[in-house]
Amino acid sequence: MIAIIDYGMGNLRSVQKAFEKVGAQAIITHSPADIIKADRVVLPGVGAMAPAVQKINELGLMDVIRKIIREGKPFLGICLGLQLLFERSCEGGYAEGLRIFKGTVERFPQGKIPHMGWNQIKALPAGEKLCAGIADGENVYFCHSYFVKPTDSSIAATMTNYGIDYVSSVVSGNVWGVQFHPEKSQAVGLKILENFTKP
């Protein structure tokens, strides 16, 4: 069972339906008990880090998320869910994230904002499992104005160019994070979600 964390920010049903298409059972929940007993956990989201962290704290989920990650449960952050894994974001001033990874969330320095639509992902060594069965340079769907800058470049799983080359997904042990929306990325996105469901 996959638990999709509901903290009031994001189209959760589309994520759930995408997992169902690849044969996985997924529930939408903000219950700590459901999240703890799930086999895998997904943190989706759209919007800014500060209100997201506030909602996660209000639901008592901050320590729950850190605990399951620390214990090695497979975890996937999508869009804002990726950004929340980092230390801080400059969006809306300053906001602290979950601090799972060292690094920051920065605004694109140039180009049309938001970065919206289809763009390529180029796989790096850390993305071997995330990108399994996907041709290099495939297109996925993005919608964001900020991107992650990991302190440790070895966790970068894919890169994308939008005026600059930036990290569009990360993988470190049991934790995956993607800036794009796999649930909106047709066959390529479904394959990535299927890869996440595998042991």
C-alpha atoms as a PDB file:
ATOM      1  CA  MET A   1       0.000   0.000   0.000  1.00  0.00           C
ATOM      2  CA  ILE A   2       1.204   3.487  -0.913  1.00  0.00           C
ATOM      3  CA  ALA A   3       0.222   6.427   1.302  1.00  0.00           C
ATOM      4  CA  ILE A   4      -0.156   9.749  -0.544  1.00  0.00           C
ATOM      5  CA  ILE A   5       0.144  12.488   2.070  1.00  0.00           C
ATOM      6  CA  ASP A   6      -2.743  14.960   2.022  1.00  0.00           C
ATOM      7  CA  TYR A   7      -1.780  18.302   3.542  1.00  0.00           C
ATOM      8  CA  GLY A   8      -4.151  20.368   1.417  1.00  0.00           C
ATOM      9  CA  MET A   9      -1.786  21.358  -1.395  1.00  0.00           C
ATOM     10  CA  GLY A  10      -1.977  19.528  -4.707  1.00  0.00           C
ATOM     11  CA  ASN A  11      -4.099  17.417  -7.023  1.00  0.00           C
ATOM     12  CA  LEU A  12      -3.801  14.201  -5.071  1.00  0.00           C
ATOM     13  CA  ARG A  13      -6.408  12.234  -6.977  1.00  0.00           C
ATOM     14  CA  SER A  14      -4.399  12.433 -10.213  1.00  0.00           C
ATOM     15  CA  VAL A  15      -1.373  10.988  -8.382  1.00  0.00           C
ATOM     16  CA  GLN A  16      -3.521   8.215  -6.917  1.00  0.00           C
ATOM     17  CA  LYS A  17      -5.007   7.375 -10.332  1.00  0.00           C
ATOM     18  CA  ALA A  18      -1.535   7.245 -11.898  1.00  0.00           C
ATOM     19  CA  PHE A  19      -0.371   4.706  -9.306  1.00  0.00           C
ATOM     20  CA  GLU A  20      -3.525   2.673  -9.897  1.00  0.00           C
ATOM     21  CA  LYS A  21      -2.712   2.605 -13.631  1.00  0.00           C
ATOM     22  CA  VAL A  22       0.598   0.874 -12.871  1.00  0.00           C
ATOM     23  CA  GLY A  23      -1.118  -1.669 -10.631  1.00  0.00           C
ATOM     24  CA  ALA A  24      -0.366  -0.159  -7.226  1.00  0.00           C
ATOM     25  CA  GLN A  25      -2.814   0.384  -4.386  1.00  0.00           C
ATOM     26  CA  ALA A  26      -2.680   3.956  -3.099  1.00  0.00           C
ATOM     27  CA  ILE A  27      -4.639   5.840  -0.454  1.00  0.00           C
ATOM     28  CA  ILE A  28      -4.864   9.584   0.168  1.00  0.00           C
ATOM     29  CA  THR A  29      -4.408  10.282   3.864  1.00  0.00           C
ATOM     30  CA  HIS A  30      -3.096  12.626   6.546  1.00  0.00           C
ATOM     31  CA  SER A  31      -3.333   9.982   9.273  1.00  0.00           C
ATOM     32  CA  PRO A  32       0.056   9.349  10.942  1.00  0.00           C
ATOM     33  CA  ALA A  33      -1.000   5.732  11.554  1.00  0.00           C
ATOM     34  CA  ASP A  34      -1.781   5.165   7.857  1.00  0.00           C
ATOM     35  CA  ILE A  35       1.495   6.756   6.801  1.00  0.00           C
ATOM     36  CA  ILE A  36       3.557   4.738   9.265  1.00  0.00           C
ATOM     37  CA  LYS A  37       2.028   1.398   8.253  1.00  0.00           C
ATOM     38  CA  ALA A  38       2.212   2.059   4.476  1.00  0.00           C
ATOM     39  CA  ASP A  39       4.818   0.220   2.401  1.00  0.00           C
ATOM     40  CA  ARG A  40       5.729   3.393   0.506  1.00  0.00           C
ATOM     41  CA  VAL A  41       4.983   7.077   1.000  1.00  0.00           C
ATOM     42  CA  VAL A  42       4.474   9.906  -1.501  1.00  0.00           C
ATOM     43  CA  LEU A  43       4.597  13.630  -0.704  1.00  0.00           C
ATOM     44  CA  PRO A  44       3.095  15.574  -3.628  1.00  0.00           C
ATOM     45  CA  GLY A  45       2.298  19.267  -3.698  1.00  0.00           C
ATOM     46  CA  VAL A  46       2.059  22.553  -5.544  1.00  0.00           C
ATOM     47  CA  GLY A  47       2.661  26.029  -4.156  1.00  0.00           C
ATOM     48  CA  ALA A  48       5.205  27.537  -1.778  1.00  0.00           C
ATOM     49  CA  MET A  49       7.265  25.937   0.957  1.00  0.00           C
ATOM     50  CA  ALA A  50       6.261  28.161   3.894  1.00  0.00           C
ATOM     51  CA  PRO A  51       2.493  27.438   3.842  1.00  0.00           C
ATOM     52  CA  ALA A  52       3.212  23.774   3.073  1.00  0.00           C
ATOM     53  CA  VAL A  53       5.449  23.402   6.120  1.00  0.00           C
ATOM     54  CA  GLN A  54       2.841  25.193   8.234  1.00  0.00           C
ATOM     55  CA  LYS A  55       0.139  22.718   7.132  1.00  0.00           C
ATOM     56  CA  ILE A  56       2.425  19.724   7.677  1.00  0.00           C
ATOM     57  CA  ASN A  57       3.185  20.976  11.195  1.00  0.00           C
ATOM     58  CA  GLU A  58      -0.499  21.612  11.938  1.00  0.00           C
ATOM     59  CA  LEU A  59      -1.270  17.999  11.007  1.00  0.00           C
ATOM     60  CA  GLY A  60       1.551  16.704  13.214  1.00  0.00           C
ATOM     61  CA  LEU A  61       3.296  15.097  10.256  1.00  0.00           C
ATOM     62  CA  MET A  62       6.752  16.694  10.344  1.00  0.00           C
ATOM     63  CA  ASP A  63       8.273  14.147  12.739  1.00  0.00           C
ATOM     64  CA  VAL A  64       6.328  11.299  11.100  1.00  0.00           C
ATOM     65  CA  ILE A  65       7.866  12.069   7.700  1.00  0.00           C
ATOM     66  CA  ARG A  66      11.362  12.380   9.136  1.00  0.00           C
ATOM     67  CA  LYS A  67      10.916   9.112  11.064  1.00  0.00           C
ATOM     68  CA  ILE A  68       9.821   6.985   8.111  1.00  0.00           C
ATOM     69  CA  ILE A  69      12.609   8.392   5.936  1.00  0.00           C
ATOM     70  CA  ARG A  70      15.165   7.735   8.661  1.00  0.00           C
ATOM     71  CA  GLU A  71      13.885   4.168   9.017  1.00  0.00           C
ATOM     72  CA  GLY A  72      14.390   3.496   5.300  1.00  0.00           C
ATOM     73  CA  LYS A  73      10.834   3.435   3.963  1.00  0.00           C
ATOM     74  CA  PRO A  74      10.669   4.186   0.202  1.00  0.00           C
ATOM     75  CA  PHE A  75       9.669   7.846  -0.127  1.00  0.00           C
ATOM     76  CA  LEU A  76       8.862   9.973  -3.169  1.00  0.00           C
ATOM     77  CA  GLY A  77       8.527  13.767  -3.227  1.00  0.00           C
ATOM     78  CA  ILE A  78       6.787  15.304  -6.257  1.00  0.00           C
ATOM     79  CA  CYS A  79       7.215  18.974  -7.293  1.00  0.00           C
ATOM     80  CA  LEU A  80       6.845  20.933  -4.029  1.00  0.00           C
ATOM     81  CA  GLY A  81       7.319  17.560  -2.318  1.00  0.00           C
ATOM     82  CA  LEU A  82      10.871  17.484  -3.713  1.00  0.00           C
ATOM     83  CA  GLN A  83      11.601  21.039  -2.609  1.00  0.00           C
ATOM     84  CA  LEU A  84      10.344  20.309   0.915  1.00  0.00           C
ATOM     85  CA  LEU A  85      13.119  17.728   1.335  1.00  0.00           C
ATOM     86  CA  PHE A  86      15.735  20.498   1.369  1.00  0.00           C
ATOM     87  CA  GLU A  87      16.919  22.853   4.104  1.00  0.00           C
ATOM     88  CA  ARG A  88      15.349  26.103   2.985  1.00  0.00           C
ATOM     89  CA  SER A  89      13.675  28.012   0.179  1.00  0.00           C
ATOM     90  CA  CYS A  90      13.982  31.654  -0.815  1.00  0.00           C
ATOM     91  CA  GLU A  91      10.368  31.663  -2.056  1.00  0.00           C
ATOM     92  CA  GLY A  92       8.300  34.298  -0.269  1.00  0.00           C
ATOM     93  CA  GLY A  93      11.323  35.467   1.713  1.00  0.00           C
ATOM     94  CA  TYR A  94      12.671  32.495   3.626  1.00  0.00           C
ATOM     95  CA  ALA A  95      11.220  29.151   4.654  1.00  0.00           C
ATOM     96  CA  GLU A  96      12.738  26.099   6.313  1.00  0.00           C
ATOM     97  CA  GLY A  97      12.067  22.689   4.811  1.00  0.00           C
ATOM     98  CA  LEU A  98      12.280  19.146   6.182  1.00  0.00           C
ATOM     99  CA  ARG A  99      16.092  19.265   6.059  1.00  0.00           C
ATOM    100  CA  ILE A 100      16.430  15.719   4.730  1.00  0.00           C
ATOM    101  CA  PHE A 101      18.976  16.955   2.188  1.00  0.00           C
ATOM    102  CA  LYS A 102      21.456  19.803   2.476  1.00  0.00           C
ATOM    103  CA  GLY A 103      20.844  22.516  -0.068  1.00  0.00           C
ATOM    104  CA  THR A 104      18.485  25.289  -1.055  1.00  0.00           C
ATOM    105  CA  VAL A 105      15.523  26.034  -3.313  1.00  0.00           C
ATOM    106  CA  GLU A 106      16.231  28.924  -5.679  1.00  0.00           C
ATOM    107  CA  ARG A 107      14.235  30.969  -8.213  1.00  0.00           C
ATOM    108  CA  PHE A 108      15.128  30.688 -11.883  1.00  0.00           C
ATOM    109  CA  PRO A 109      17.416  33.645 -12.669  1.00  0.00           C
ATOM    110  CA  GLN A 110      16.122  34.120 -16.215  1.00  0.00           C
ATOM    111  CA  GLY A 111      13.511  33.061 -18.749  1.00  0.00           C
ATOM    112  CA  LYS A 112       9.749  32.897 -18.593  1.00  0.00           C
ATOM    113  CA  ILE A 113       8.412  32.013 -15.155  1.00  0.00           C
ATOM    114  CA  PRO A 114       6.957  29.581 -14.353  1.00  0.00           C
ATOM    115  CA  HIS A 115       8.744  26.860 -16.280  1.00  0.00           C
ATOM    116  CA  MET A 116       5.597  25.197 -17.575  1.00  0.00           C
ATOM    117  CA  GLY A 117       5.204  22.404 -20.101  1.00  0.00           C
ATOM    118  CA  TRP A 118       7.284  19.581 -21.510  1.00  0.00           C
ATOM    119  CA  ASN A 119      11.050  19.410 -21.170  1.00  0.00           C
ATOM    120  CA  GLN A 120      13.786  16.808 -21.302  1.00  0.00           C
ATOM    121  CA  ILE A 121      15.402  14.917 -18.471  1.00  0.00           C
ATOM    122  CA  LYS A 122      18.990  13.698 -18.815  1.00  0.00           C
ATOM    123  CA  ALA A 123      19.816  10.761 -16.543  1.00  0.00           C
ATOM    124  CA  LEU A 124      22.790  10.777 -14.183  1.00  0.00           C
ATOM    125  CA  PRO A 125      24.278   7.779 -12.304  1.00  0.00           C
ATOM    126  CA  ALA A 126      22.072   8.362  -9.236  1.00  0.00           C
ATOM    127  CA  GLY A 127      18.991   8.073 -11.471  1.00  0.00           C
ATOM    128  CA  GLU A 128      19.675   4.516 -12.621  1.00  0.00           C
ATOM    129  CA  LYS A 129      16.649   3.012 -10.873  1.00  0.00           C
ATOM    130  CA  LEU A 130      14.360   6.049 -11.280  1.00  0.00           C
ATOM    131  CA  CYS A 131      15.011   6.126 -15.038  1.00  0.00           C
ATOM    132  CA  ALA A 132      15.080   2.348 -15.622  1.00  0.00           C
ATOM    133  CA  GLY A 133      13.397   1.520 -18.927  1.00  0.00           C
ATOM    134  CA  ILE A 134      13.301   5.167 -20.043  1.00  0.00           C
ATOM    135  CA  ALA A 135      15.307   6.485 -22.991  1.00  0.00           C
ATOM    136  CA  ASP A 136      17.667   9.325 -22.147  1.00  0.00           C
ATOM    137  CA  GLY A 137      16.327  12.730 -23.140  1.00  0.00           C
ATOM    138  CA  GLU A 138      12.648  11.834 -22.744  1.00  0.00           C
ATOM    139  CA  ASN A 139      10.193  14.646 -22.037  1.00  0.00           C
ATOM    140  CA  VAL A 140       8.201  15.073 -18.827  1.00  0.00           C
ATOM    141  CA  TYR A 141       5.774  17.754 -17.649  1.00  0.00           C
ATOM    142  CA  PHE A 142       6.922  20.642 -15.445  1.00  0.00           C
ATOM    143  CA  CYS A 143       5.207  23.533 -13.679  1.00  0.00           C
ATOM    144  CA  HIS A 144       7.485  25.466 -11.292  1.00  0.00           C
ATOM    145  CA  SER A 145       9.360  28.717 -10.717  1.00  0.00           C
ATOM    146  CA  TYR A 146      11.941  27.381  -8.233  1.00  0.00           C
ATOM    147  CA  PHE A 147      14.474  24.558  -8.424  1.00  0.00           C
ATOM    148  CA  VAL A 148      16.615  22.639  -5.933  1.00  0.00           C
ATOM    149  CA  LYS A 149      20.365  23.124  -5.498  1.00  0.00           C
ATOM    150  CA  PRO A 150      21.711  20.130  -3.557  1.00  0.00           C
ATOM    151  CA  THR A 151      24.945  20.634  -1.649  1.00  0.00           C
ATOM    152  CA  ASP A 152      25.888  17.055  -2.542  1.00  0.00           C
ATOM    153  CA  SER A 153      25.806  16.837  -6.333  1.00  0.00           C
ATOM    154  CA  SER A 154      26.003  13.029  -6.219  1.00  0.00           C
ATOM    155  CA  ILE A 155      22.300  12.784  -5.311  1.00  0.00           C
ATOM    156  CA  ALA A 156      21.282  14.443  -8.607  1.00  0.00           C
ATOM    157  CA  ALA A 157      19.377  11.811 -10.613  1.00  0.00           C
ATOM    158  CA  THR A 158      18.424  13.886 -13.653  1.00  0.00           C
ATOM    159  CA  MET A 159      19.274  17.287 -15.083  1.00  0.00           C
ATOM    160  CA  THR A 160      17.101  19.578 -17.185  1.00  0.00           C
ATOM    161  CA  ASN A 161      17.905  22.768 -19.060  1.00  0.00           C
ATOM    162  CA  TYR A 162      15.693  25.828 -18.762  1.00  0.00           C
ATOM    163  CA  GLY A 163      18.060  28.705 -19.419  1.00  0.00           C
ATOM    164  CA  ILE A 164      20.386  26.979 -16.966  1.00  0.00           C
ATOM    165  CA  ASP A 165      21.116  23.317 -16.271  1.00  0.00           C
ATOM    166  CA  TYR A 166      19.394  22.413 -13.018  1.00  0.00           C
ATOM    167  CA  VAL A 167      18.704  19.295 -10.955  1.00  0.00           C
ATOM    168  CA  SER A 168      15.245  18.001 -11.875  1.00  0.00           C
ATOM    169  CA  SER A 169      15.264  14.899  -9.662  1.00  0.00           C
ATOM    170  CA  VAL A 170      17.259  13.391  -6.824  1.00  0.00           C
ATOM    171  CA  VAL A 171      17.781   9.902  -5.457  1.00  0.00           C
ATOM    172  CA  SER A 172      19.535   9.031  -2.217  1.00  0.00           C
ATOM    173  CA  GLY A 173      18.947   5.596  -0.739  1.00  0.00           C
ATOM    174  CA  ASN A 174      15.236   5.183  -0.040  1.00  0.00           C
ATOM    175  CA  VAL A 175      14.383   8.795  -0.927  1.00  0.00           C
ATOM    176  CA  TRP A 176      13.396   9.932  -4.413  1.00  0.00           C
ATOM    177  CA  GLY A 177      12.314  13.412  -5.405  1.00  0.00           C
ATOM    178  CA  VAL A 178      11.173  14.730  -8.794  1.00  0.00           C
ATOM    179  CA  GLN A 179      10.538  18.344  -9.772  1.00  0.00           C
ATOM    180  CA  PHE A 180       8.310  17.339 -12.680  1.00  0.00           C
ATOM    181  CA  HIS A 181       4.842  15.776 -12.460  1.00  0.00           C
ATOM    182  CA  PRO A 182       5.015  12.069 -13.351  1.00  0.00           C
ATOM    183  CA  GLU A 183       1.228  11.829 -13.028  1.00  0.00           C
ATOM    184  CA  LYS A 184       0.958  14.301 -15.944  1.00  0.00           C
ATOM    185  CA  SER A 185       3.848  12.898 -17.987  1.00  0.00           C
ATOM    186  CA  GLN A 186       2.024  10.109 -19.832  1.00  0.00           C
ATOM    187  CA  ALA A 187       3.920   6.841 -20.439  1.00  0.00           C
ATOM    188  CA  VAL A 188       7.275   8.154 -19.198  1.00  0.00           C
ATOM    189  CA  GLY A 189       5.786   9.399 -15.932  1.00  0.00           C
ATOM    190  CA  LEU A 190       3.902   6.162 -15.381  1.00  0.00           C
ATOM    191  CA  LYS A 191       7.127   4.220 -15.874  1.00  0.00           C
ATOM    192  CA  ILE A 192       8.857   6.329 -13.214  1.00  0.00           C
ATOM    193  CA  LEU A 193       5.991   5.683 -10.793  1.00  0.00           C
ATOM    194  CA  GLU A 194       6.150   1.977 -11.637  1.00  0.00           C
ATOM    195  CA  ASN A 195       9.902   2.012 -10.934  1.00  0.00           C
ATOM    196  CA  PHE A 196       9.183   3.549  -7.522  1.00  0.00           C
ATOM    197  CA  THR A 197       6.812   0.689  -6.657  1.00  0.00           C
ATOM    198  CA  LYS A 198       9.436  -1.982  -7.294  1.00  0.00           C
ATOM    199  CA  PRO A 199      11.607  -3.447  -4.496  1.00  0.00           C
END
